[in-house]
PDBML (XML) file of the C-alpha atoms, coordinates in Angstrom:
<?xml version="1.0" encoding="UTF-8" ?>
<PDBx:datablock datablockName="MODEL"
   xmlns:PDBx="http://pdbml.pdb.org/schema/pdbx-v50.xsd"
   xmlns:xsi="http://www.w3.org/2001/XMLSchema-instance"
   xsi:schemaLocation="http://pdbml.pdb.org/schema/pdbx-v50.xsd pdbx-v50.xsd">
   <PDBx:atom_siteCategory>
      <PDBx:atom_site id="1">
         <PDBx:B_iso_or_equiv>0.00</PDBx:B_iso_or_equiv>
         <PDBx:Cartn_x>3.000</PDBx:Cartn_x>
         <PDBx:Cartn_y>26.071</PDBx:Cartn_y>
         <PDBx:Cartn_z>-4.328</PDBx:Cartn_z>
         <PDBx:auth_asym_id>A</PDBx:auth_asym_id>
         <PDBx:auth_atom_id>CA</PDBx:auth_atom_id>
         <PDBx:auth_comp_id>GLN</PDBx:auth_comp_id>
         <PDBx:auth_seq_id>1</PDBx:auth_seq_id>
         <PDBx:group_PDB>ATOM</PDBx:group_PDB>
         <PDBx:label_alt_id xsi:nil="true" />
         <PDBx:label_asym_id>A</PDBx:label_asym_id>
         <PDBx:label_atom_id>CA</PDBx:label_atom_id>
         <PDBx:label_comp_id>GLN</PDBx:label_comp_id>
         <PDBx:label_entity_id>1</PDBx:label_entity_id>
         <PDBx:label_seq_id>1</PDBx:label_seq_id>
         <PDBx:occupancy>1.00</PDBx:occupancy>
         <PDBx:pdbx_PDB_model_num>1</PDBx:pdbx_PDB_model_num>
         <PDBx:type_symbol>C</PDBx:type_symbol>
      </PDBx:atom_site>
      <PDBx:atom_site id="2">
         <PDBx:B_iso_or_equiv>0.00</PDBx:B_iso_or_equiv>
         <PDBx:Cartn_x>1.743</PDBx:Cartn_x>
         <PDBx:Cartn_y>23.114</PDBx:Cartn_y>
         <PDBx:Cartn_z>-2.236</PDBx:Cartn_z>
         <PDBx:auth_asym_id>A</PDBx:auth_asym_id>
         <PDBx:auth_atom_id>CA</PDBx:auth_atom_id>
         <PDBx:auth_comp_id>LEU</PDBx:auth_comp_id>
         <PDBx:auth_seq_id>2</PDBx:auth_seq_id>
         <PDBx:group_PDB>ATOM</PDBx:group_PDB>
         <PDBx:label_alt_id xsi:nil="true" />
         <PDBx:label_asym_id>A</PDBx:label_asym_id>
         <PDBx:label_atom_id>CA</PDBx:label_atom_id>
         <PDBx:label_comp_id>LEU</PDBx:label_comp_id>
         <PDBx:label_entity_id>1</PDBx:label_entity_id>
         <PDBx:label_seq_id>2</PDBx:label_seq_id>
         <PDBx:occupancy>1.00</PDBx:occupancy>
         <PDBx:pdbx_PDB_model_num>1</PDBx:pdbx_PDB_model_num>
         <PDBx:type_symbol>C</PDBx:type_symbol>
      </PDBx:atom_site>
      <PDBx:atom_site id="3">
         <PDBx:B_iso_or_equiv>0.00</PDBx:B_iso_or_equiv>
         <PDBx:Cartn_x>1.862</PDBx:Cartn_x>
         <PDBx:Cartn_y>25.232</PDBx:Cartn_y>
         <PDBx:Cartn_z>0.925</PDBx:Cartn_z>
         <PDBx:auth_asym_id>A</PDBx:auth_asym_id>
         <PDBx:auth_atom_id>CA</PDBx:auth_atom_id>
         <PDBx:auth_comp_id>ALA</PDBx:auth_comp_id>
         <PDBx:auth_seq_id>3</PDBx:auth_seq_id>
         <PDBx:group_PDB>ATOM</PDBx:group_PDB>
         <PDBx:label_alt_id xsi:nil="true" />
         <PDBx:label_asym_id>A</PDBx:label_asym_id>
         <PDBx:label_atom_id>CA</PDBx:label_atom_id>
         <PDBx:label_comp_id>ALA</PDBx:label_comp_id>
         <PDBx:label_entity_id>1</PDBx:label_entity_id>
         <PDBx:label_seq_id>3</PDBx:label_seq_id>
         <PDBx:occupancy>1.00</PDBx:occupancy>
         <PDBx:pdbx_PDB_model_num>1</PDBx:pdbx_PDB_model_num>
         <PDBx:type_symbol>C</PDBx:type_symbol>
      </PDBx:atom_site>
      <PDBx:atom_site id="4">
         <PDBx:B_iso_or_equiv>0.00</PDBx:B_iso_or_equiv>
         <PDBx:Cartn_x>-1.771</PDBx:Cartn_x>
         <PDBx:Cartn_y>25.092</PDBx:Cartn_y>
         <PDBx:Cartn_z>1.576</PDBx:Cartn_z>
         <PDBx:auth_asym_id>A</PDBx:auth_asym_id>
         <PDBx:auth_atom_id>CA</PDBx:auth_atom_id>
         <PDBx:auth_comp_id>LYS</PDBx:auth_comp_id>
         <PDBx:auth_seq_id>4</PDBx:auth_seq_id>
         <PDBx:group_PDB>ATOM</PDBx:group_PDB>
         <PDBx:label_alt_id xsi:nil="true" />
         <PDBx:label_asym_id>A</PDBx:label_asym_id>
         <PDBx:label_atom_id>CA</PDBx:label_atom_id>
         <PDBx:label_comp_id>LYS</PDBx:label_comp_id>
         <PDBx:label_entity_id>1</PDBx:label_entity_id>
         <PDBx:label_seq_id>4</PDBx:label_seq_id>
         <PDBx:occupancy>1.00</PDBx:occupancy>
         <PDBx:pdbx_PDB_model_num>1</PDBx:pdbx_PDB_model_num>
         <PDBx:type_symbol>C</PDBx:type_symbol>
      </PDBx:atom_site>
      <PDBx:atom_site id="5">
         <PDBx:B_iso_or_equiv>0.00</PDBx:B_iso_or_equiv>
         <PDBx:Cartn_x>-1.969</PDBx:Cartn_x>
         <PDBx:Cartn_y>21.392</PDBx:Cartn_y>
         <PDBx:Cartn_z>1.033</PDBx:Cartn_z>
         <PDBx:auth_asym_id>A</PDBx:auth_asym_id>
         <PDBx:auth_atom_id>CA</PDBx:auth_atom_id>
         <PDBx:auth_comp_id>VAL</PDBx:auth_comp_id>
         <PDBx:auth_seq_id>5</PDBx:auth_seq_id>
         <PDBx:group_PDB>ATOM</PDBx:group_PDB>
         <PDBx:label_alt_id xsi:nil="true" />
         <PDBx:label_asym_id>A</PDBx:label_asym_id>
         <PDBx:label_atom_id>CA</PDBx:label_atom_id>
         <PDBx:label_comp_id>VAL</PDBx:label_comp_id>
         <PDBx:label_entity_id>1</PDBx:label_entity_id>
         <PDBx:label_seq_id>5</PDBx:label_seq_id>
         <PDBx:occupancy>1.00</PDBx:occupancy>
         <PDBx:pdbx_PDB_model_num>1</PDBx:pdbx_PDB_model_num>
         <PDBx:type_symbol>C</PDBx:type_symbol>
      </PDBx:atom_site>
      <PDBx:atom_site id="6">
         <PDBx:B_iso_or_equiv>0.00</PDBx:B_iso_or_equiv>
         <PDBx:Cartn_x>-1.713</PDBx:Cartn_x>
         <PDBx:Cartn_y>19.317</PDBx:Cartn_y>
         <PDBx:Cartn_z>4.139</PDBx:Cartn_z>
         <PDBx:auth_asym_id>A</PDBx:auth_asym_id>
         <PDBx:auth_atom_id>CA</PDBx:auth_atom_id>
         <PDBx:auth_comp_id>PRO</PDBx:auth_comp_id>
         <PDBx:auth_seq_id>6</PDBx:auth_seq_id>
         <PDBx:group_PDB>ATOM</PDBx:group_PDB>
         <PDBx:label_alt_id xsi:nil="true" />
         <PDBx:label_asym_id>A</PDBx:label_asym_id>
         <PDBx:label_atom_id>CA</PDBx:label_atom_id>
         <PDBx:label_comp_id>PRO</PDBx:label_comp_id>
         <PDBx:label_entity_id>1</PDBx:label_entity_id>
         <PDBx:label_seq_id>6</PDBx:label_seq_id>
         <PDBx:occupancy>1.00</PDBx:occupancy>
         <PDBx:pdbx_PDB_model_num>1</PDBx:pdbx_PDB_model_num>
         <PDBx:type_symbol>C</PDBx:type_symbol>
      </PDBx:atom_site>
      <PDBx:atom_site id="7">
         <PDBx:B_iso_or_equiv>0.00</PDBx:B_iso_or_equiv>
         <PDBx:Cartn_x>1.680</PDBx:Cartn_x>
         <PDBx:Cartn_y>17.358</PDBx:Cartn_y>
         <PDBx:Cartn_z>4.177</PDBx:Cartn_z>
         <PDBx:auth_asym_id>A</PDBx:auth_asym_id>
         <PDBx:auth_atom_id>CA</PDBx:auth_atom_id>
         <PDBx:auth_comp_id>GLN</PDBx:auth_comp_id>
         <PDBx:auth_seq_id>7</PDBx:auth_seq_id>
         <PDBx:group_PDB>ATOM</PDBx:group_PDB>
         <PDBx:label_alt_id xsi:nil="true" />
         <PDBx:label_asym_id>A</PDBx:label_asym_id>
         <PDBx:label_atom_id>CA</PDBx:label_atom_id>
         <PDBx:label_comp_id>GLN</PDBx:label_comp_id>
         <PDBx:label_entity_id>1</PDBx:label_entity_id>
         <PDBx:label_seq_id>7</PDBx:label_seq_id>
         <PDBx:occupancy>1.00</PDBx:occupancy>
         <PDBx:pdbx_PDB_model_num>1</PDBx:pdbx_PDB_model_num>
         <PDBx:type_symbol>C</PDBx:type_symbol>
      </PDBx:atom_site>
      <PDBx:atom_site id="8">
         <PDBx:B_iso_or_equiv>0.00</PDBx:B_iso_or_equiv>
         <PDBx:Cartn_x>-0.372</PDBx:Cartn_x>
         <PDBx:Cartn_y>14.210</PDBx:Cartn_y>
         <PDBx:Cartn_z>4.561</PDBx:Cartn_z>
         <PDBx:auth_asym_id>A</PDBx:auth_asym_id>
         <PDBx:auth_atom_id>CA</PDBx:auth_atom_id>
         <PDBx:auth_comp_id>ALA</PDBx:auth_comp_id>
         <PDBx:auth_seq_id>8</PDBx:auth_seq_id>
         <PDBx:group_PDB>ATOM</PDBx:group_PDB>
         <PDBx:label_alt_id xsi:nil="true" />
         <PDBx:label_asym_id>A</PDBx:label_asym_id>
         <PDBx:label_atom_id>CA</PDBx:label_atom_id>
         <PDBx:label_comp_id>ALA</PDBx:label_comp_id>
         <PDBx:label_entity_id>1</PDBx:label_entity_id>
         <PDBx:label_seq_id>8</PDBx:label_seq_id>
         <PDBx:occupancy>1.00</PDBx:occupancy>
         <PDBx:pdbx_PDB_model_num>1</PDBx:pdbx_PDB_model_num>
         <PDBx:type_symbol>C</PDBx:type_symbol>
      </PDBx:atom_site>
      <PDBx:atom_site id="9">
         <PDBx:B_iso_or_equiv>0.00</PDBx:B_iso_or_equiv>
         <PDBx:Cartn_x>-2.221</PDBx:Cartn_x>
         <PDBx:Cartn_y>14.848</PDBx:Cartn_y>
         <PDBx:Cartn_z>1.388</PDBx:Cartn_z>
         <PDBx:auth_asym_id>A</PDBx:auth_asym_id>
         <PDBx:auth_atom_id>CA</PDBx:auth_atom_id>
         <PDBx:auth_comp_id>LEU</PDBx:auth_comp_id>
         <PDBx:auth_seq_id>9</PDBx:auth_seq_id>
         <PDBx:group_PDB>ATOM</PDBx:group_PDB>
         <PDBx:label_alt_id xsi:nil="true" />
         <PDBx:label_asym_id>A</PDBx:label_asym_id>
         <PDBx:label_atom_id>CA</PDBx:label_atom_id>
         <PDBx:label_comp_id>LEU</PDBx:label_comp_id>
         <PDBx:label_entity_id>1</PDBx:label_entity_id>
         <PDBx:label_seq_id>9</PDBx:label_seq_id>
         <PDBx:occupancy>1.00</PDBx:occupancy>
         <PDBx:pdbx_PDB_model_num>1</PDBx:pdbx_PDB_model_num>
         <PDBx:type_symbol>C</PDBx:type_symbol>
      </PDBx:atom_site>
      <PDBx:atom_site id="10">
         <PDBx:B_iso_or_equiv>0.00</PDBx:B_iso_or_equiv>
         <PDBx:Cartn_x>1.140</PDBx:Cartn_x>
         <PDBx:Cartn_y>15.913</PDBx:Cartn_y>
         <PDBx:Cartn_z>-0.389</PDBx:Cartn_z>
         <PDBx:auth_asym_id>A</PDBx:auth_asym_id>
         <PDBx:auth_atom_id>CA</PDBx:auth_atom_id>
         <PDBx:auth_comp_id>VAL</PDBx:auth_comp_id>
         <PDBx:auth_seq_id>10</PDBx:auth_seq_id>
         <PDBx:group_PDB>ATOM</PDBx:group_PDB>
         <PDBx:label_alt_id xsi:nil="true" />
         <PDBx:label_asym_id>A</PDBx:label_asym_id>
         <PDBx:label_atom_id>CA</PDBx:label_atom_id>
         <PDBx:label_comp_id>VAL</PDBx:label_comp_id>
         <PDBx:label_entity_id>1</PDBx:label_entity_id>
         <PDBx:label_seq_id>10</PDBx:label_seq_id>
         <PDBx:occupancy>1.00</PDBx:occupancy>
         <PDBx:pdbx_PDB_model_num>1</PDBx:pdbx_PDB_model_num>
         <PDBx:type_symbol>C</PDBx:type_symbol>
      </PDBx:atom_site>
      <PDBx:atom_site id="11">
         <PDBx:B_iso_or_equiv>0.00</PDBx:B_iso_or_equiv>
         <PDBx:Cartn_x>2.573</PDBx:Cartn_x>
         <PDBx:Cartn_y>12.529</PDBx:Cartn_y>
         <PDBx:Cartn_z>0.387</PDBx:Cartn_z>
         <PDBx:auth_asym_id>A</PDBx:auth_asym_id>
         <PDBx:auth_atom_id>CA</PDBx:auth_atom_id>
         <PDBx:auth_comp_id>ARG</PDBx:auth_comp_id>
         <PDBx:auth_seq_id>11</PDBx:auth_seq_id>
         <PDBx:group_PDB>ATOM</PDBx:group_PDB>
         <PDBx:label_alt_id xsi:nil="true" />
         <PDBx:label_asym_id>A</PDBx:label_asym_id>
         <PDBx:label_atom_id>CA</PDBx:label_atom_id>
         <PDBx:label_comp_id>ARG</PDBx:label_comp_id>
         <PDBx:label_entity_id>1</PDBx:label_entity_id>
         <PDBx:label_seq_id>11</PDBx:label_seq_id>
         <PDBx:occupancy>1.00</PDBx:occupancy>
         <PDBx:pdbx_PDB_model_num>1</PDBx:pdbx_PDB_model_num>
         <PDBx:type_symbol>C</PDBx:type_symbol>
      </PDBx:atom_site>
      <PDBx:atom_site id="12">
         <PDBx:B_iso_or_equiv>0.00</PDBx:B_iso_or_equiv>
         <PDBx:Cartn_x>-0.705</PDBx:Cartn_x>
         <PDBx:Cartn_y>10.849</PDBx:Cartn_y>
         <PDBx:Cartn_z>-0.515</PDBx:Cartn_z>
         <PDBx:auth_asym_id>A</PDBx:auth_asym_id>
         <PDBx:auth_atom_id>CA</PDBx:auth_atom_id>
         <PDBx:auth_comp_id>ARG</PDBx:auth_comp_id>
         <PDBx:auth_seq_id>12</PDBx:auth_seq_id>
         <PDBx:group_PDB>ATOM</PDBx:group_PDB>
         <PDBx:label_alt_id xsi:nil="true" />
         <PDBx:label_asym_id>A</PDBx:label_asym_id>
         <PDBx:label_atom_id>CA</PDBx:label_atom_id>
         <PDBx:label_comp_id>ARG</PDBx:label_comp_id>
         <PDBx:label_entity_id>1</PDBx:label_entity_id>
         <PDBx:label_seq_id>12</PDBx:label_seq_id>
         <PDBx:occupancy>1.00</PDBx:occupancy>
         <PDBx:pdbx_PDB_model_num>1</PDBx:pdbx_PDB_model_num>
         <PDBx:type_symbol>C</PDBx:type_symbol>
      </PDBx:atom_site>
      <PDBx:atom_site id="13">
         <PDBx:B_iso_or_equiv>0.00</PDBx:B_iso_or_equiv>
         <PDBx:Cartn_x>-1.447</PDBx:Cartn_x>
         <PDBx:Cartn_y>12.422</PDBx:Cartn_y>
         <PDBx:Cartn_z>-3.783</PDBx:Cartn_z>
         <PDBx:auth_asym_id>A</PDBx:auth_asym_id>
         <PDBx:auth_atom_id>CA</PDBx:auth_atom_id>
         <PDBx:auth_comp_id>TYR</PDBx:auth_comp_id>
         <PDBx:auth_seq_id>13</PDBx:auth_seq_id>
         <PDBx:group_PDB>ATOM</PDBx:group_PDB>
         <PDBx:label_alt_id xsi:nil="true" />
         <PDBx:label_asym_id>A</PDBx:label_asym_id>
         <PDBx:label_atom_id>CA</PDBx:label_atom_id>
         <PDBx:label_comp_id>TYR</PDBx:label_comp_id>
         <PDBx:label_entity_id>1</PDBx:label_entity_id>
         <PDBx:label_seq_id>13</PDBx:label_seq_id>
         <PDBx:occupancy>1.00</PDBx:occupancy>
         <PDBx:pdbx_PDB_model_num>1</PDBx:pdbx_PDB_model_num>
         <PDBx:type_symbol>C</PDBx:type_symbol>
      </PDBx:atom_site>
      <PDBx:atom_site id="14">
         <PDBx:B_iso_or_equiv>0.00</PDBx:B_iso_or_equiv>
         <PDBx:Cartn_x>1.919</PDBx:Cartn_x>
         <PDBx:Cartn_y>13.645</PDBx:Cartn_y>
         <PDBx:Cartn_z>-5.328</PDBx:Cartn_z>
         <PDBx:auth_asym_id>A</PDBx:auth_asym_id>
         <PDBx:auth_atom_id>CA</PDBx:auth_atom_id>
         <PDBx:auth_comp_id>PHE</PDBx:auth_comp_id>
         <PDBx:auth_seq_id>14</PDBx:auth_seq_id>
         <PDBx:group_PDB>ATOM</PDBx:group_PDB>
         <PDBx:label_alt_id xsi:nil="true" />
         <PDBx:label_asym_id>A</PDBx:label_asym_id>
         <PDBx:label_atom_id>CA</PDBx:label_atom_id>
         <PDBx:label_comp_id>PHE</PDBx:label_comp_id>
         <PDBx:label_entity_id>1</PDBx:label_entity_id>
         <PDBx:label_seq_id>14</PDBx:label_seq_id>
         <PDBx:occupancy>1.00</PDBx:occupancy>
         <PDBx:pdbx_PDB_model_num>1</PDBx:pdbx_PDB_model_num>
         <PDBx:type_symbol>C</PDBx:type_symbol>
      </PDBx:atom_site>
      <PDBx:atom_site id="15">
         <PDBx:B_iso_or_equiv>0.00</PDBx:B_iso_or_equiv>
         <PDBx:Cartn_x>5.053</PDBx:Cartn_x>
         <PDBx:Cartn_y>12.019</PDBx:Cartn_y>
         <PDBx:Cartn_z>-6.268</PDBx:Cartn_z>
         <PDBx:auth_asym_id>A</PDBx:auth_asym_id>
         <PDBx:auth_atom_id>CA</PDBx:auth_atom_id>
         <PDBx:auth_comp_id>CYS</PDBx:auth_comp_id>
         <PDBx:auth_seq_id>15</PDBx:auth_seq_id>
         <PDBx:group_PDB>ATOM</PDBx:group_PDB>
         <PDBx:label_alt_id xsi:nil="true" />
         <PDBx:label_asym_id>A</PDBx:label_asym_id>
         <PDBx:label_atom_id>CA</PDBx:label_atom_id>
         <PDBx:label_comp_id>CYS</PDBx:label_comp_id>
         <PDBx:label_entity_id>1</PDBx:label_entity_id>
         <PDBx:label_seq_id>15</PDBx:label_seq_id>
         <PDBx:occupancy>1.00</PDBx:occupancy>
         <PDBx:pdbx_PDB_model_num>1</PDBx:pdbx_PDB_model_num>
         <PDBx:type_symbol>C</PDBx:type_symbol>
      </PDBx:atom_site>
      <PDBx:atom_site id="16">
         <PDBx:B_iso_or_equiv>0.00</PDBx:B_iso_or_equiv>
         <PDBx:Cartn_x>8.451</PDBx:Cartn_x>
         <PDBx:Cartn_y>13.786</PDBx:Cartn_y>
         <PDBx:Cartn_z>-5.739</PDBx:Cartn_z>
         <PDBx:auth_asym_id>A</PDBx:auth_asym_id>
         <PDBx:auth_atom_id>CA</PDBx:auth_atom_id>
         <PDBx:auth_comp_id>GLU</PDBx:auth_comp_id>
         <PDBx:auth_seq_id>16</PDBx:auth_seq_id>
         <PDBx:group_PDB>ATOM</PDBx:group_PDB>
         <PDBx:label_alt_id xsi:nil="true" />
         <PDBx:label_asym_id>A</PDBx:label_asym_id>
         <PDBx:label_atom_id>CA</PDBx:label_atom_id>
         <PDBx:label_comp_id>GLU</PDBx:label_comp_id>
         <PDBx:label_entity_id>1</PDBx:label_entity_id>
         <PDBx:label_seq_id>16</PDBx:label_seq_id>
         <PDBx:occupancy>1.00</PDBx:occupancy>
         <PDBx:pdbx_PDB_model_num>1</PDBx:pdbx_PDB_model_num>
         <PDBx:type_symbol>C</PDBx:type_symbol>
      </PDBx:atom_site>
      <PDBx:atom_site id="17">
         <PDBx:B_iso_or_equiv>0.00</PDBx:B_iso_or_equiv>
         <PDBx:Cartn_x>10.268</PDBx:Cartn_x>
         <PDBx:Cartn_y>14.456</PDBx:Cartn_y>
         <PDBx:Cartn_z>-8.960</PDBx:Cartn_z>
         <PDBx:auth_asym_id>A</PDBx:auth_asym_id>
         <PDBx:auth_atom_id>CA</PDBx:auth_atom_id>
         <PDBx:auth_comp_id>GLU</PDBx:auth_comp_id>
         <PDBx:auth_seq_id>17</PDBx:auth_seq_id>
         <PDBx:group_PDB>ATOM</PDBx:group_PDB>
         <PDBx:label_alt_id xsi:nil="true" />
         <PDBx:label_asym_id>A</PDBx:label_asym_id>
         <PDBx:label_atom_id>CA</PDBx:label_atom_id>
         <PDBx:label_comp_id>GLU</PDBx:label_comp_id>
         <PDBx:label_entity_id>1</PDBx:label_entity_id>
         <PDBx:label_seq_id>17</PDBx:label_seq_id>
         <PDBx:occupancy>1.00</PDBx:occupancy>
         <PDBx:pdbx_PDB_model_num>1</PDBx:pdbx_PDB_model_num>
         <PDBx:type_symbol>C</PDBx:type_symbol>
      </PDBx:atom_site>
      <PDBx:atom_site id="18">
         <PDBx:B_iso_or_equiv>0.00</PDBx:B_iso_or_equiv>
         <PDBx:Cartn_x>13.466</PDBx:Cartn_x>
         <PDBx:Cartn_y>15.887</PDBx:Cartn_y>
         <PDBx:Cartn_z>-9.654</PDBx:Cartn_z>
         <PDBx:auth_asym_id>A</PDBx:auth_asym_id>
         <PDBx:auth_atom_id>CA</PDBx:auth_atom_id>
         <PDBx:auth_comp_id>LYS</PDBx:auth_comp_id>
         <PDBx:auth_seq_id>18</PDBx:auth_seq_id>
         <PDBx:group_PDB>ATOM</PDBx:group_PDB>
         <PDBx:label_alt_id xsi:nil="true" />
         <PDBx:label_asym_id>A</PDBx:label_asym_id>
         <PDBx:label_atom_id>CA</PDBx:label_atom_id>
         <PDBx:label_comp_id>LYS</PDBx:label_comp_id>
         <PDBx:label_entity_id>1</PDBx:label_entity_id>
         <PDBx:label_seq_id>18</PDBx:label_seq_id>
         <PDBx:occupancy>1.00</PDBx:occupancy>
         <PDBx:pdbx_PDB_model_num>1</PDBx:pdbx_PDB_model_num>
         <PDBx:type_symbol>C</PDBx:type_symbol>
      </PDBx:atom_site>
      <PDBx:atom_site id="19">
         <PDBx:B_iso_or_equiv>0.00</PDBx:B_iso_or_equiv>
         <PDBx:Cartn_x>14.385</PDBx:Cartn_x>
         <PDBx:Cartn_y>19.655</PDBx:Cartn_y>
         <PDBx:Cartn_z>-9.152</PDBx:Cartn_z>
         <PDBx:auth_asym_id>A</PDBx:auth_asym_id>
         <PDBx:auth_atom_id>CA</PDBx:auth_atom_id>
         <PDBx:auth_comp_id>ASN</PDBx:auth_comp_id>
         <PDBx:auth_seq_id>19</PDBx:auth_seq_id>
         <PDBx:group_PDB>ATOM</PDBx:group_PDB>
         <PDBx:label_alt_id xsi:nil="true" />
         <PDBx:label_asym_id>A</PDBx:label_asym_id>
         <PDBx:label_atom_id>CA</PDBx:label_atom_id>
         <PDBx:label_comp_id>ASN</PDBx:label_comp_id>
         <PDBx:label_entity_id>1</PDBx:label_entity_id>
         <PDBx:label_seq_id>19</PDBx:label_seq_id>
         <PDBx:occupancy>1.00</PDBx:occupancy>
         <PDBx:pdbx_PDB_model_num>1</PDBx:pdbx_PDB_model_num>
         <PDBx:type_symbol>C</PDBx:type_symbol>
      </PDBx:atom_site>
      <PDBx:atom_site id="20">
         <PDBx:B_iso_or_equiv>0.00</PDBx:B_iso_or_equiv>
         <PDBx:Cartn_x>12.069</PDBx:Cartn_x>
         <PDBx:Cartn_y>20.140</PDBx:Cartn_y>
         <PDBx:Cartn_z>-6.056</PDBx:Cartn_z>
         <PDBx:auth_asym_id>A</PDBx:auth_asym_id>
         <PDBx:auth_atom_id>CA</PDBx:auth_atom_id>
         <PDBx:auth_comp_id>ASP</PDBx:auth_comp_id>
         <PDBx:auth_seq_id>20</PDBx:auth_seq_id>
         <PDBx:group_PDB>ATOM</PDBx:group_PDB>
         <PDBx:label_alt_id xsi:nil="true" />
         <PDBx:label_asym_id>A</PDBx:label_asym_id>
         <PDBx:label_atom_id>CA</PDBx:label_atom_id>
         <PDBx:label_comp_id>ASP</PDBx:label_comp_id>
         <PDBx:label_entity_id>1</PDBx:label_entity_id>
         <PDBx:label_seq_id>20</PDBx:label_seq_id>
         <PDBx:occupancy>1.00</PDBx:occupancy>
         <PDBx:pdbx_PDB_model_num>1</PDBx:pdbx_PDB_model_num>
         <PDBx:type_symbol>C</PDBx:type_symbol>
      </PDBx:atom_site>
      <PDBx:atom_site id="21">
         <PDBx:B_iso_or_equiv>0.00</PDBx:B_iso_or_equiv>
         <PDBx:Cartn_x>8.866</PDBx:Cartn_x>
         <PDBx:Cartn_y>19.421</PDBx:Cartn_y>
         <PDBx:Cartn_z>-8.144</PDBx:Cartn_z>
         <PDBx:auth_asym_id>A</PDBx:auth_asym_id>
         <PDBx:auth_atom_id>CA</PDBx:auth_atom_id>
         <PDBx:auth_comp_id>LEU</PDBx:auth_comp_id>
         <PDBx:auth_seq_id>21</PDBx:auth_seq_id>
         <PDBx:group_PDB>ATOM</PDBx:group_PDB>
         <PDBx:label_alt_id xsi:nil="true" />
         <PDBx:label_asym_id>A</PDBx:label_asym_id>
         <PDBx:label_atom_id>CA</PDBx:label_atom_id>
         <PDBx:label_comp_id>LEU</PDBx:label_comp_id>
         <PDBx:label_entity_id>1</PDBx:label_entity_id>
         <PDBx:label_seq_id>21</PDBx:label_seq_id>
         <PDBx:occupancy>1.00</PDBx:occupancy>
         <PDBx:pdbx_PDB_model_num>1</PDBx:pdbx_PDB_model_num>
         <PDBx:type_symbol>C</PDBx:type_symbol>
      </PDBx:atom_site>
      <PDBx:atom_site id="22">
         <PDBx:B_iso_or_equiv>0.00</PDBx:B_iso_or_equiv>
         <PDBx:Cartn_x>6.031</PDBx:Cartn_x>
         <PDBx:Cartn_y>17.247</PDBx:Cartn_y>
         <PDBx:Cartn_z>-7.100</PDBx:Cartn_z>
         <PDBx:auth_asym_id>A</PDBx:auth_asym_id>
         <PDBx:auth_atom_id>CA</PDBx:auth_atom_id>
         <PDBx:auth_comp_id>HIS</PDBx:auth_comp_id>
         <PDBx:auth_seq_id>22</PDBx:auth_seq_id>
         <PDBx:group_PDB>ATOM</PDBx:group_PDB>
         <PDBx:label_alt_id xsi:nil="true" />
         <PDBx:label_asym_id>A</PDBx:label_asym_id>
         <PDBx:label_atom_id>CA</PDBx:label_atom_id>
         <PDBx:label_comp_id>HIS</PDBx:label_comp_id>
         <PDBx:label_entity_id>1</PDBx:label_entity_id>
         <PDBx:label_seq_id>22</PDBx:label_seq_id>
         <PDBx:occupancy>1.00</PDBx:occupancy>
         <PDBx:pdbx_PDB_model_num>1</PDBx:pdbx_PDB_model_num>
         <PDBx:type_symbol>C</PDBx:type_symbol>
      </PDBx:atom_site>
      <PDBx:atom_site id="23">
         <PDBx:B_iso_or_equiv>0.00</PDBx:B_iso_or_equiv>
         <PDBx:Cartn_x>3.837</PDBx:Cartn_x>
         <PDBx:Cartn_y>15.484</PDBx:Cartn_y>
         <PDBx:Cartn_z>-9.654</PDBx:Cartn_z>
         <PDBx:auth_asym_id>A</PDBx:auth_asym_id>
         <PDBx:auth_atom_id>CA</PDBx:auth_atom_id>
         <PDBx:auth_comp_id>GLY</PDBx:auth_comp_id>
         <PDBx:auth_seq_id>23</PDBx:auth_seq_id>
         <PDBx:group_PDB>ATOM</PDBx:group_PDB>
         <PDBx:label_alt_id xsi:nil="true" />
         <PDBx:label_asym_id>A</PDBx:label_asym_id>
         <PDBx:label_atom_id>CA</PDBx:label_atom_id>
         <PDBx:label_comp_id>GLY</PDBx:label_comp_id>
         <PDBx:label_entity_id>1</PDBx:label_entity_id>
         <PDBx:label_seq_id>23</PDBx:label_seq_id>
         <PDBx:occupancy>1.00</PDBx:occupancy>
         <PDBx:pdbx_PDB_model_num>1</PDBx:pdbx_PDB_model_num>
         <PDBx:type_symbol>C</PDBx:type_symbol>
      </PDBx:atom_site>
      <PDBx:atom_site id="24">
         <PDBx:B_iso_or_equiv>0.00</PDBx:B_iso_or_equiv>
         <PDBx:Cartn_x>0.192</PDBx:Cartn_x>
         <PDBx:Cartn_y>14.569</PDBx:Cartn_y>
         <PDBx:Cartn_z>-9.397</PDBx:Cartn_z>
         <PDBx:auth_asym_id>A</PDBx:auth_asym_id>
         <PDBx:auth_atom_id>CA</PDBx:auth_atom_id>
         <PDBx:auth_comp_id>VAL</PDBx:auth_comp_id>
         <PDBx:auth_seq_id>24</PDBx:auth_seq_id>
         <PDBx:group_PDB>ATOM</PDBx:group_PDB>
         <PDBx:label_alt_id xsi:nil="true" />
         <PDBx:label_asym_id>A</PDBx:label_asym_id>
         <PDBx:label_atom_id>CA</PDBx:label_atom_id>
         <PDBx:label_comp_id>VAL</PDBx:label_comp_id>
         <PDBx:label_entity_id>1</PDBx:label_entity_id>
         <PDBx:label_seq_id>24</PDBx:label_seq_id>
         <PDBx:occupancy>1.00</PDBx:occupancy>
         <PDBx:pdbx_PDB_model_num>1</PDBx:pdbx_PDB_model_num>
         <PDBx:type_symbol>C</PDBx:type_symbol>
      </PDBx:atom_site>
   </PDBx:atom_siteCategory>
</PDBx:datablock>
């Protein structure tokens, strides 16, 4: 679901959760 978000922004604005989920 985050495929269109640049990876740098994923790292900056999301925290890794369990079960392959990323939380805002």
